[in-house]
Every structure is written in structure tokens, then in C-alpha cells.
Amino acid sequence: MFKKLNITCKQAVAICDKSQYKEATFFEKIQLNIHFLCCKICTKYSKQNVFLTKLCRNKSNDDKKKQISLCMTPSEKEFLKKEIEKRYVKE
């Protein structure tokens, strides 16, 4: 039974991505959380992935409200870069 719960980092990344879009099964989420207990790298990947998705969603929602192009300006790219650095350079 334990072999079914043990997954590789590659599988964890795939499940993490699926989970973010509500496509992961309950069993996959259990596998992922067990993997997070012993793998801090995948835990960090998951947190970073969630953060980047939120940034992109906020940008996309703002663009839809303003009814403008979905392309980012250089200043917007710089803002996102600074946000990412501010959050992850500390770690």
C-alpha cells in the first residue's frame, strides 16, 4: 500500500499542476501531500507555482476589465519581476 503513496518528484510536479486547475483526484492530492512531507523542493515549487498563477490571473482579470490587450508592457513586466524577486530572494 505504501508503494502506491510514494511518488517521484516528476510525478509530484505533474500532480501539483493538475491540482492547481482542479483536475487532480483525491488520491493524487494525498500522494502529493505525503510527498511534500519529505521533499522541500517540491513544496517550494508548489508555492511558487501558486504565486505565479495568482499574479497572471490578476493581470488577466485587470486586462479584461479594462478591455485592453493581453500583452504586457515593459513596465508591467518589470513590476512582475520585482514582485517575484521581493518574494523569493528572501528564501
PDB file of N, CA and C in Angstrom:
ATOM      1  N   MET A   1       0.829  -1.198   0.000  1.00  0.00           N
ATOM      2  CA  MET A   1       0.000   0.000   0.000  1.00  0.00           C
ATOM      3  C   MET A   1       0.873   1.261   0.000  1.00  0.00           C
ATOM      4  N   PHE A   2       1.963   1.244   0.790  1.00  0.00           N
ATOM      5  CA  PHE A   2       2.810   2.428   0.882  1.00  0.00           C
ATOM      6  C   PHE A   2       3.464   2.759  -0.452  1.00  0.00           C
ATOM      7  N   LYS A   3       3.741   1.734  -1.272  1.00  0.00           N
ATOM      8  CA  LYS A   3       4.360   1.991  -2.580  1.00  0.00           C
ATOM      9  C   LYS A   3       3.448   2.847  -3.454  1.00  0.00           C
ATOM     10  N   LYS A   4       2.153   2.692  -3.301  1.00  0.00           N
ATOM     11  CA  LYS A   4       1.219   3.485  -4.098  1.00  0.00           C
ATOM     12  C   LYS A   4       1.214   4.948  -3.658  1.00  0.00           C
ATOM     13  N   LEU A   5       1.558   5.193  -2.401  1.00  0.00           N
ATOM     14  CA  LEU A   5       1.575   6.563  -1.892  1.00  0.00           C
ATOM     15  C   LEU A   5       2.882   7.278  -2.204  1.00  0.00           C
ATOM     16  N   ASN A   6       3.941   6.529  -2.412  1.00  0.00           N
ATOM     17  CA  ASN A   6       5.257   7.097  -2.680  1.00  0.00           C
ATOM     18  C   ASN A   6       5.363   7.471  -4.164  1.00  0.00           C
ATOM     19  N   ILE A   7       5.649   8.739  -4.445  1.00  0.00           N
ATOM     20  CA  ILE A   7       5.761   9.201  -5.828  1.00  0.00           C
ATOM     21  C   ILE A   7       7.086   9.920  -6.022  1.00  0.00           C
ATOM     22  N   THR A   8       7.494  10.054  -7.272  1.00  0.00           N
ATOM     23  CA  THR A   8       8.731  10.760  -7.599  1.00  0.00           C
ATOM     24  C   THR A   8       8.451  12.262  -7.675  1.00  0.00           C
ATOM     25  N   CYS A   9       9.518  13.027  -7.720  1.00  0.00           N
ATOM     26  CA  CYS A   9       9.373  14.489  -7.845  1.00  0.00           C
ATOM     27  C   CYS A   9       8.697  14.850  -9.168  1.00  0.00           C
ATOM     28  N   LYS A  10       9.012  14.124 -10.222  1.00  0.00           N
ATOM     29  CA  LYS A  10       8.406  14.388 -11.530  1.00  0.00           C
ATOM     30  C   LYS A  10       6.890  14.174 -11.463  1.00  0.00           C
ATOM     31  N   GLN A  11       6.471  13.109 -10.801  1.00  0.00           N
ATOM     32  CA  GLN A  11       5.042  12.856 -10.640  1.00  0.00           C
ATOM     33  C   GLN A  11       4.406  13.929  -9.754  1.00  0.00           C
ATOM     34  N   ALA A  12       5.132  14.358  -8.725  1.00  0.00           N
ATOM     35  CA  ALA A  12       4.613  15.388  -7.818  1.00  0.00           C
ATOM     36  C   ALA A  12       4.367  16.704  -8.561  1.00  0.00           C
ATOM     37  N   VAL A  13       5.290  17.059  -9.449  1.00  0.00           N
ATOM     38  CA  VAL A  13       5.122  18.286 -10.230  1.00  0.00           C
ATOM     39  C   VAL A  13       3.884  18.187 -11.125  1.00  0.00           C
ATOM     40  N   ALA A  14       3.701  17.044 -11.737  1.00  0.00           N
ATOM     41  CA  ALA A  14       2.526  16.851 -12.610  1.00  0.00           C
ATOM     42  C   ALA A  14       1.231  16.944 -11.804  1.00  0.00           C
ATOM     43  N   ILE A  15       1.209  16.325 -10.640  1.00  0.00           N
ATOM     44  CA  ILE A  15       0.011  16.372  -9.795  1.00  0.00           C
ATOM     45  C   ILE A  15      -0.213  17.790  -9.276  1.00  0.00           C
ATOM     46  N   CYS A  16       0.873  18.475  -8.937  1.00  0.00           N
ATOM     47  CA  CYS A  16       0.773  19.861  -8.473  1.00  0.00           C
ATOM     48  C   CYS A  16       0.105  20.731  -9.531  1.00  0.00           C
ATOM     49  N   ASP A  17       0.536  20.573 -10.760  1.00  0.00           N
ATOM     50  CA  ASP A  17      -0.050  21.348 -11.854  1.00  0.00           C
ATOM     51  C   ASP A  17      -1.521  20.985 -12.061  1.00  0.00           C
ATOM     52  N   LYS A  18      -1.831  19.701 -11.995  1.00  0.00           N
ATOM     53  CA  LYS A  18      -3.224  19.276 -12.135  1.00  0.00           C
ATOM     54  C   LYS A  18      -4.077  19.806 -10.985  1.00  0.00           C
ATOM     55  N   SER A  19      -3.526  19.766  -9.796  1.00  0.00           N
ATOM     56  CA  SER A  19      -4.260  20.206  -8.612  1.00  0.00           C
ATOM     57  C   SER A  19      -4.601  21.685  -8.691  1.00  0.00           C
ATOM     58  N   GLN A  20      -3.697  22.447  -9.238  1.00  0.00           N
ATOM     59  CA  GLN A  20      -3.905  23.884  -9.353  1.00  0.00           C
ATOM     60  C   GLN A  20      -5.114  24.211 -10.241  1.00  0.00           C
ATOM     61  N   TYR A  21      -5.379  23.361 -11.196  1.00  0.00           N
ATOM     62  CA  TYR A  21      -6.504  23.581 -12.109  1.00  0.00           C
ATOM     63  C   TYR A  21      -7.690  22.688 -11.785  1.00  0.00           C
ATOM     64  N   LYS A  22      -7.696  22.162 -10.547  1.00  0.00           N
ATOM     65  CA  LYS A  22      -8.801  21.342 -10.029  1.00  0.00           C
ATOM     66  C   LYS A  22      -9.024  20.069 -10.847  1.00  0.00           C
ATOM     67  N   GLU A  23      -7.945  19.499 -11.384  1.00  0.00           N
ATOM     68  CA  GLU A  23      -8.036  18.280 -12.184  1.00  0.00           C
ATOM     69  C   GLU A  23      -7.475  17.053 -11.463  1.00  0.00           C
ATOM     70  N   ALA A  24      -6.854  17.253 -10.311  1.00  0.00           N
ATOM     71  CA  ALA A  24      -6.256  16.140  -9.573  1.00  0.00           C
ATOM     72  C   ALA A  24      -7.329  15.407  -8.770  1.00  0.00           C
ATOM     73  N   THR A  25      -7.166  14.091  -8.688  1.00  0.00           N
ATOM     74  CA  THR A  25      -8.103  13.289  -7.897  1.00  0.00           C
ATOM     75  C   THR A  25      -7.758  13.410  -6.419  1.00  0.00           C
ATOM     76  N   PHE A  26      -8.656  12.942  -5.585  1.00  0.00           N
ATOM     77  CA  PHE A  26      -8.434  12.969  -4.141  1.00  0.00           C
ATOM     78  C   PHE A  26      -7.194  12.151  -3.778  1.00  0.00           C
ATOM     79  N   PHE A  27      -7.044  10.982  -4.380  1.00  0.00           N
ATOM     80  CA  PHE A  27      -5.895  10.119  -4.101  1.00  0.00           C
ATOM     81  C   PHE A  27      -4.594  10.794  -4.535  1.00  0.00           C
ATOM     82  N   GLU A  28      -4.605  11.476  -5.659  1.00  0.00           N
ATOM     83  CA  GLU A  28      -3.411  12.191  -6.117  1.00  0.00           C
ATOM     84  C   GLU A  28      -3.028  13.307  -5.144  1.00  0.00           C
ATOM     85  N   LYS A  29      -4.025  13.983  -4.604  1.00  0.00           N
ATOM     86  CA  LYS A  29      -3.746  15.044  -3.631  1.00  0.00           C
ATOM     87  C   LYS A  29      -3.130  14.468  -2.362  1.00  0.00           C
ATOM     88  N   ILE A  30      -3.583  13.302  -1.948  1.00  0.00           N
ATOM     89  CA  ILE A  30      -2.999  12.632  -0.786  1.00  0.00           C
ATOM     90  C   ILE A  30      -1.545  12.275  -1.083  1.00  0.00           C
ATOM     91  N   GLN A  31      -1.298  11.705  -2.261  1.00  0.00           N
ATOM     92  CA  GLN A  31       0.069  11.369  -2.653  1.00  0.00           C
ATOM     93  C   GLN A  31       0.955  12.615  -2.632  1.00  0.00           C
ATOM     94  N   LEU A  32       0.448  13.697  -3.149  1.00  0.00           N
ATOM     95  CA  LEU A  32       1.214  14.940  -3.212  1.00  0.00           C
ATOM     96  C   LEU A  32       1.548  15.452  -1.819  1.00  0.00           C
ATOM     97  N   ASN A  33       0.587  15.455  -0.927  1.00  0.00           N
ATOM     98  CA  ASN A  33       0.832  15.938   0.427  1.00  0.00           C
ATOM     99  C   ASN A  33       1.813  15.058   1.184  1.00  0.00           C
ATOM    100  N   ILE A  34       1.774  13.766   0.960  1.00  0.00           N
ATOM    101  CA  ILE A  34       2.750  12.870   1.572  1.00  0.00           C
ATOM    102  C   ILE A  34       4.136  13.156   1.006  1.00  0.00           C
ATOM    103  N   HIS A  35       4.211  13.408  -0.287  1.00  0.00           N
ATOM    104  CA  HIS A  35       5.493  13.735  -0.915  1.00  0.00           C
ATOM    105  C   HIS A  35       6.049  15.042  -0.342  1.00  0.00           C
ATOM    106  N   PHE A  36       5.182  16.012  -0.092  1.00  0.00           N
ATOM    107  CA  PHE A  36       5.607  17.296   0.461  1.00  0.00           C
ATOM    108  C   PHE A  36       6.245  17.134   1.844  1.00  0.00           C
ATOM    109  N   LEU A  37       5.840  16.125   2.580  1.00  0.00           N
ATOM    110  CA  LEU A  37       6.406  15.905   3.915  1.00  0.00           C
ATOM    111  C   LEU A  37       7.904  15.612   3.861  1.00  0.00           C
ATOM    112  N   CYS A  38       8.341  14.976   2.785  1.00  0.00           N
ATOM    113  CA  CYS A  38       9.760  14.589   2.711  1.00  0.00           C
ATOM    114  C   CYS A  38      10.535  15.360   1.640  1.00  0.00           C
ATOM    115  N   CYS A  39       9.887  16.175   0.837  1.00  0.00           N
ATOM    116  CA  CYS A  39      10.582  16.882  -0.235  1.00  0.00           C
ATOM    117  C   CYS A  39      10.280  18.378  -0.175  1.00  0.00           C
ATOM    118  N   LYS A  40      11.215  19.122   0.354  1.00  0.00           N
ATOM    119  CA  LYS A  40      11.030  20.569   0.492  1.00  0.00           C
ATOM    120  C   LYS A  40      11.158  21.291  -0.855  1.00  0.00           C
ATOM    121  N   ILE A  41      11.854  20.693  -1.797  1.00  0.00           N
ATOM    122  CA  ILE A  41      11.998  21.314  -3.117  1.00  0.00           C
ATOM    123  C   ILE A  41      10.651  21.360  -3.830  1.00  0.00           C
ATOM    124  N   CYS A  42       9.927  20.253  -3.795  1.00  0.00           N
ATOM    125  CA  CYS A  42       8.608  20.222  -4.439  1.00  0.00           C
ATOM    126  C   CYS A  42       7.609  21.121  -3.709  1.00  0.00           C
ATOM    127  N   THR A  43       7.760  21.222  -2.394  1.00  0.00           N
ATOM    128  CA  THR A  43       6.903  22.121  -1.625  1.00  0.00           C
ATOM    129  C   THR A  43       7.126  23.559  -2.078  1.00  0.00           C
ATOM    130  N   LYS A  44       8.388  23.929  -2.237  1.00  0.00           N
ATOM    131  CA  LYS A  44       8.716  25.284  -2.691  1.00  0.00           C
ATOM    132  C   LYS A  44       8.217  25.514  -4.116  1.00  0.00           C
ATOM    133  N   TYR A  45       8.375  24.505  -4.979  1.00  0.00           N
ATOM    134  CA  TYR A  45       7.873  24.605  -6.353  1.00  0.00           C
ATOM    135  C   TYR A  45       6.375  24.891  -6.339  1.00  0.00           C
ATOM    136  N   SER A  46       5.655  24.171  -5.511  1.00  0.00           N
ATOM    137  CA  SER A  46       4.206  24.332  -5.448  1.00  0.00           C
ATOM    138  C   SER A  46       3.829  25.747  -5.008  1.00  0.00           C
ATOM    139  N   LYS A  47       4.508  26.261  -3.999  1.00  0.00           N
ATOM    140  CA  LYS A  47       4.216  27.623  -3.519  1.00  0.00           C
ATOM    141  C   LYS A  47       4.515  28.663  -4.601  1.00  0.00           C
ATOM    142  N   GLN A  48       5.632  28.482  -5.290  1.00  0.00           N
ATOM    143  CA  GLN A  48       5.993  29.419  -6.353  1.00  0.00           C
ATOM    144  C   GLN A  48       4.998  29.346  -7.504  1.00  0.00           C
ATOM    145  N   ASN A  49       4.567  28.154  -7.818  1.00  0.00           N
ATOM    146  CA  ASN A  49       3.609  27.949  -8.901  1.00  0.00           C
ATOM    147  C   ASN A  49       2.285  28.652  -8.594  1.00  0.00           C
ATOM    148  N   VAL A  50       1.821  28.508  -7.370  1.00  0.00           N
ATOM    149  CA  VAL A  50       0.573  29.162  -6.950  1.00  0.00           C
ATOM    150  C   VAL A  50       0.726  30.681  -7.021  1.00  0.00           C
ATOM    151  N   PHE A  51       1.864  31.183  -6.554  1.00  0.00           N
ATOM    152  CA  PHE A  51       2.118  32.632  -6.574  1.00  0.00           C
ATOM    153  C   PHE A  51       2.116  33.177  -8.001  1.00  0.00           C
ATOM    154  N   LEU A  52       2.815  32.506  -8.907  1.00  0.00           N
ATOM    155  CA  LEU A  52       2.871  32.970 -10.301  1.00  0.00           C
ATOM    156  C   LEU A  52       1.505  32.914 -10.965  1.00  0.00           C
ATOM    157  N   THR A  53       0.738  31.881 -10.671  1.00  0.00           N
ATOM    158  CA  THR A  53      -0.603  31.765 -11.242  1.00  0.00           C
ATOM    159  C   THR A  53      -1.487  32.909 -10.764  1.00  0.00           C
ATOM    160  N   LYS A  54      -1.387  33.253  -9.487  1.00  0.00           N
ATOM    161  CA  LYS A  54      -2.184  34.366  -8.963  1.00  0.00           C
ATOM    162  C   LYS A  54      -1.801  35.680  -9.636  1.00  0.00           C
ATOM    163  N   LEU A  55      -0.506  35.898  -9.810  1.00  0.00           N
ATOM    164  CA  LEU A  55      -0.061  37.119 -10.493  1.00  0.00           C
ATOM    165  C   LEU A  55      -0.625  37.191 -11.908  1.00  0.00           C
ATOM    166  N   CYS A  56      -0.553  36.094 -12.617  1.00  0.00           N
ATOM    167  CA  CYS A  56      -1.041  36.080 -14.003  1.00  0.00           C
ATOM    168  C   CYS A  56      -2.552  36.234 -14.069  1.00  0.00           C
ATOM    169  N   ARG A  57      -3.252  35.608 -13.151  1.00  0.00           N
ATOM    170  CA  ARG A  57      -4.713  35.738 -13.137  1.00  0.00           C
ATOM    171  C   ARG A  57      -5.126  37.168 -12.842  1.00  0.00           C
ATOM    172  N   ASN A  58      -4.464  37.794 -11.874  1.00  0.00           N
ATOM    173  CA  ASN A  58      -4.777  39.195 -11.546  1.00  0.00           C
ATOM    174  C   ASN A  58      -4.549  40.087 -12.755  1.00  0.00           C
ATOM    175  N   LYS A  59      -3.438  39.876 -13.449  1.00  0.00           N
ATOM    176  CA  LYS A  59      -3.128  40.660 -14.649  1.00  0.00           C
ATOM    177  C   LYS A  59      -4.202  40.435 -15.704  1.00  0.00           C
ATOM    178  N   SER A  60      -4.566  39.190 -15.902  1.00  0.00           N
ATOM    179  CA  SER A  60      -5.564  38.857 -16.909  1.00  0.00           C
ATOM    180  C   SER A  60      -6.923  39.467 -16.562  1.00  0.00           C
ATOM    181  N   ASN A  61      -7.315  39.387 -15.298  1.00  0.00           N
ATOM    182  CA  ASN A  61      -8.596  39.966 -14.874  1.00  0.00           C
ATOM    183  C   ASN A  61      -8.602  41.477 -15.033  1.00  0.00           C
ATOM    184  N   ASP A  62      -7.492  42.127 -14.717  1.00  0.00           N
ATOM    185  CA  ASP A  62      -7.393  43.579 -14.897  1.00  0.00           C
ATOM    186  C   ASP A  62      -7.554  43.952 -16.369  1.00  0.00           C
ATOM    187  N   ASP A  63      -6.899  43.177 -17.239  1.00  0.00           N
ATOM    188  CA  ASP A  63      -6.982  43.448 -18.673  1.00  0.00           C
ATOM    189  C   ASP A  63      -8.405  43.267 -19.202  1.00  0.00           C
ATOM    190  N   LYS A  64      -9.084  42.252 -18.713  1.00  0.00           N
ATOM    191  CA  LYS A  64     -10.456  42.019 -19.164  1.00  0.00           C
ATOM    192  C   LYS A  64     -11.367  43.156 -18.732  1.00  0.00           C
ATOM    193  N   LYS A  65     -11.172  43.655 -17.507  1.00  0.00           N
ATOM    194  CA  LYS A  65     -11.986  44.762 -17.013  1.00  0.00           C
ATOM    195  C   LYS A  65     -11.742  46.028 -17.821  1.00  0.00           C
ATOM    196  N   LYS A  66     -10.490  46.244 -18.187  1.00  0.00           N
ATOM    197  CA  LYS A  66     -10.126  47.444 -18.939  1.00  0.00           C
ATOM    198  C   LYS A  66     -10.339  47.268 -20.439  1.00  0.00           C
ATOM    199  N   GLN A  67     -10.593  46.032 -20.861  1.00  0.00           N
ATOM    200  CA  GLN A  67     -10.783  45.689 -22.277  1.00  0.00           C
ATOM    201  C   GLN A  67      -9.602  46.150 -23.119  1.00  0.00           C
ATOM    202  N   ILE A  68      -8.410  45.761 -22.669  1.00  0.00           N
ATOM    203  CA  ILE A  68      -7.210  46.099 -23.418  1.00  0.00           C
ATOM    204  C   ILE A  68      -6.469  44.837 -23.804  1.00  0.00           C
ATOM    205  N   SER A  69      -5.398  45.006 -24.517  1.00  0.00           N
ATOM    206  CA  SER A  69      -4.589  43.896 -24.993  1.00  0.00           C
ATOM    207  C   SER A  69      -4.074  43.045 -23.837  1.00  0.00           C
ATOM    208  N   LEU A  70      -3.957  41.743 -24.077  1.00  0.00           N
ATOM    209  CA  LEU A  70      -3.445  40.837 -23.061  1.00  0.00           C
ATOM    210  C   LEU A  70      -1.918  40.810 -23.019  1.00  0.00           C
ATOM    211  N   CYS A  71      -1.261  41.590 -23.856  1.00  0.00           N
ATOM    212  CA  CYS A  71       0.205  41.655 -23.842  1.00  0.00           C
ATOM    213  C   CYS A  71       0.659  42.598 -22.732  1.00  0.00           C
ATOM    214  N   MET A  72       1.768  42.262 -22.113  1.00  0.00           N
ATOM    215  CA  MET A  72       2.291  43.105 -21.043  1.00  0.00           C
ATOM    216  C   MET A  72       3.235  44.161 -21.601  1.00  0.00           C
ATOM    217  N   THR A  73       3.137  45.332 -21.006  1.00  0.00           N
ATOM    218  CA  THR A  73       4.068  46.396 -21.360  1.00  0.00           C
ATOM    219  C   THR A  73       5.379  46.145 -20.628  1.00  0.00           C
ATOM    220  N   PRO A  74       6.457  46.788 -21.072  1.00  0.00           N
ATOM    221  CA  PRO A  74       7.733  46.620 -20.352  1.00  0.00           C
ATOM    222  C   PRO A  74       7.651  47.011 -18.873  1.00  0.00           C
ATOM    223  N   SER A  75       6.878  48.035 -18.559  1.00  0.00           N
ATOM    224  CA  SER A  75       6.754  48.442 -17.152  1.00  0.00           C
ATOM    225  C   SER A  75       6.005  47.384 -16.335  1.00  0.00           C
ATOM    226  N   GLU A  76       5.001  46.748 -16.934  1.00  0.00           N
ATOM    227  CA  GLU A  76       4.281  45.678 -16.242  1.00  0.00           C
ATOM    228  C   GLU A  76       5.184  44.464 -16.020  1.00  0.00           C
ATOM    229  N   LYS A  77       6.006  44.153 -17.009  1.00  0.00           N
ATOM    230  CA  LYS A  77       6.953  43.047 -16.867  1.00  0.00           C
ATOM    231  C   LYS A  77       7.943  43.333 -15.740  1.00  0.00           C
ATOM    232  N   GLU A  78       8.404  44.556 -15.675  1.00  0.00           N
ATOM    233  CA  GLU A  78       9.345  44.947 -14.625  1.00  0.00           C
ATOM    234  C   GLU A  78       8.683  44.858 -13.252  1.00  0.00           C
ATOM    235  N   PHE A  79       7.415  45.267 -13.161  1.00  0.00           N
ATOM    236  CA  PHE A  79       6.683  45.175 -11.905  1.00  0.00           C
ATOM    237  C   PHE A  79       6.574  43.721 -11.446  1.00  0.00           C
ATOM    238  N   LEU A  80       6.222  42.825 -12.365  1.00  0.00           N
ATOM    239  CA  LEU A  80       6.119  41.409 -12.023  1.00  0.00           C
ATOM    240  C   LEU A  80       7.472  40.852 -11.592  1.00  0.00           C
ATOM    241  N   LYS A  81       8.521  41.247 -12.277  1.00  0.00           N
ATOM    242  CA  LYS A  81       9.869  40.799 -11.928  1.00  0.00           C
ATOM    243  C   LYS A  81      10.225  41.226 -10.502  1.00  0.00           C
ATOM    244  N   LYS A  82       9.907  42.465 -10.156  1.00  0.00           N
ATOM    245  CA  LYS A  82      10.200  42.968  -8.814  1.00  0.00           C
ATOM    246  C   LYS A  82       9.381  42.240  -7.752  1.00  0.00           C
ATOM    247  N   GLU A  83       8.121  41.949  -8.060  1.00  0.00           N
ATOM    248  CA  GLU A  83       7.273  41.211  -7.125  1.00  0.00           C
ATOM    249  C   GLU A  83       7.838  39.818  -6.853  1.00  0.00           C
ATOM    250  N   ILE A  84       8.277  39.163  -7.913  1.00  0.00           N
ATOM    251  CA  ILE A  84       8.846  37.823  -7.770  1.00  0.00           C
ATOM    252  C   ILE A  84      10.133  37.879  -6.961  1.00  0.00           C
ATOM    253  N   GLU A  85      10.991  38.826  -7.280  1.00  0.00           N
ATOM    254  CA  GLU A  85      12.253  38.961  -6.550  1.00  0.00           C
ATOM    255  C   GLU A  85      12.006  39.296  -5.084  1.00  0.00           C
ATOM    256  N   LYS A  86      11.053  40.174  -4.830  1.00  0.00           N
ATOM    257  CA  LYS A  86      10.755  40.588  -3.460  1.00  0.00           C
ATOM    258  C   LYS A  86      10.308  39.372  -2.630  1.00  0.00           C
ATOM    259  N   ARG A  87       9.540  38.510  -3.251  1.00  0.00           N
ATOM    260  CA  ARG A  87       9.005  37.368  -2.516  1.00  0.00           C
ATOM    261  C   ARG A  87      10.021  36.239  -2.372  1.00  0.00           C
ATOM    262  N   TYR A  88      10.808  35.979  -3.403  1.00  0.00           N
ATOM    263  CA  TYR A  88      11.639  34.775  -3.389  1.00  0.00           C
ATOM    264  C   TYR A  88      13.117  34.986  -3.183  1.00  0.00           C
ATOM    265  N   VAL A  89      13.601  36.189  -3.200  1.00  0.00           N
ATOM    266  CA  VAL A  89      15.013  36.410  -2.915  1.00  0.00           C
ATOM    267  C   VAL A  89      15.268  36.211  -1.415  1.00  0.00           C
ATOM    268  N   LYS A  90      14.267  36.461  -0.603  1.00  0.00           N
ATOM    269  CA  LYS A  90      14.378  36.296   0.843  1.00  0.00           C
ATOM    270  C   LYS A  90      14.617  34.845   1.236  1.00  0.00           C
ATOM    271  N   GLU A  91      14.064  33.905   0.492  1.00  0.00           N
ATOM    272  CA  GLU A  91      14.127  32.477   0.866  1.00  0.00           C
ATOM    273  C   GLU A  91      15.425  31.855   0.603  1.00  0.00           C
TER     274      GLU A  91
END
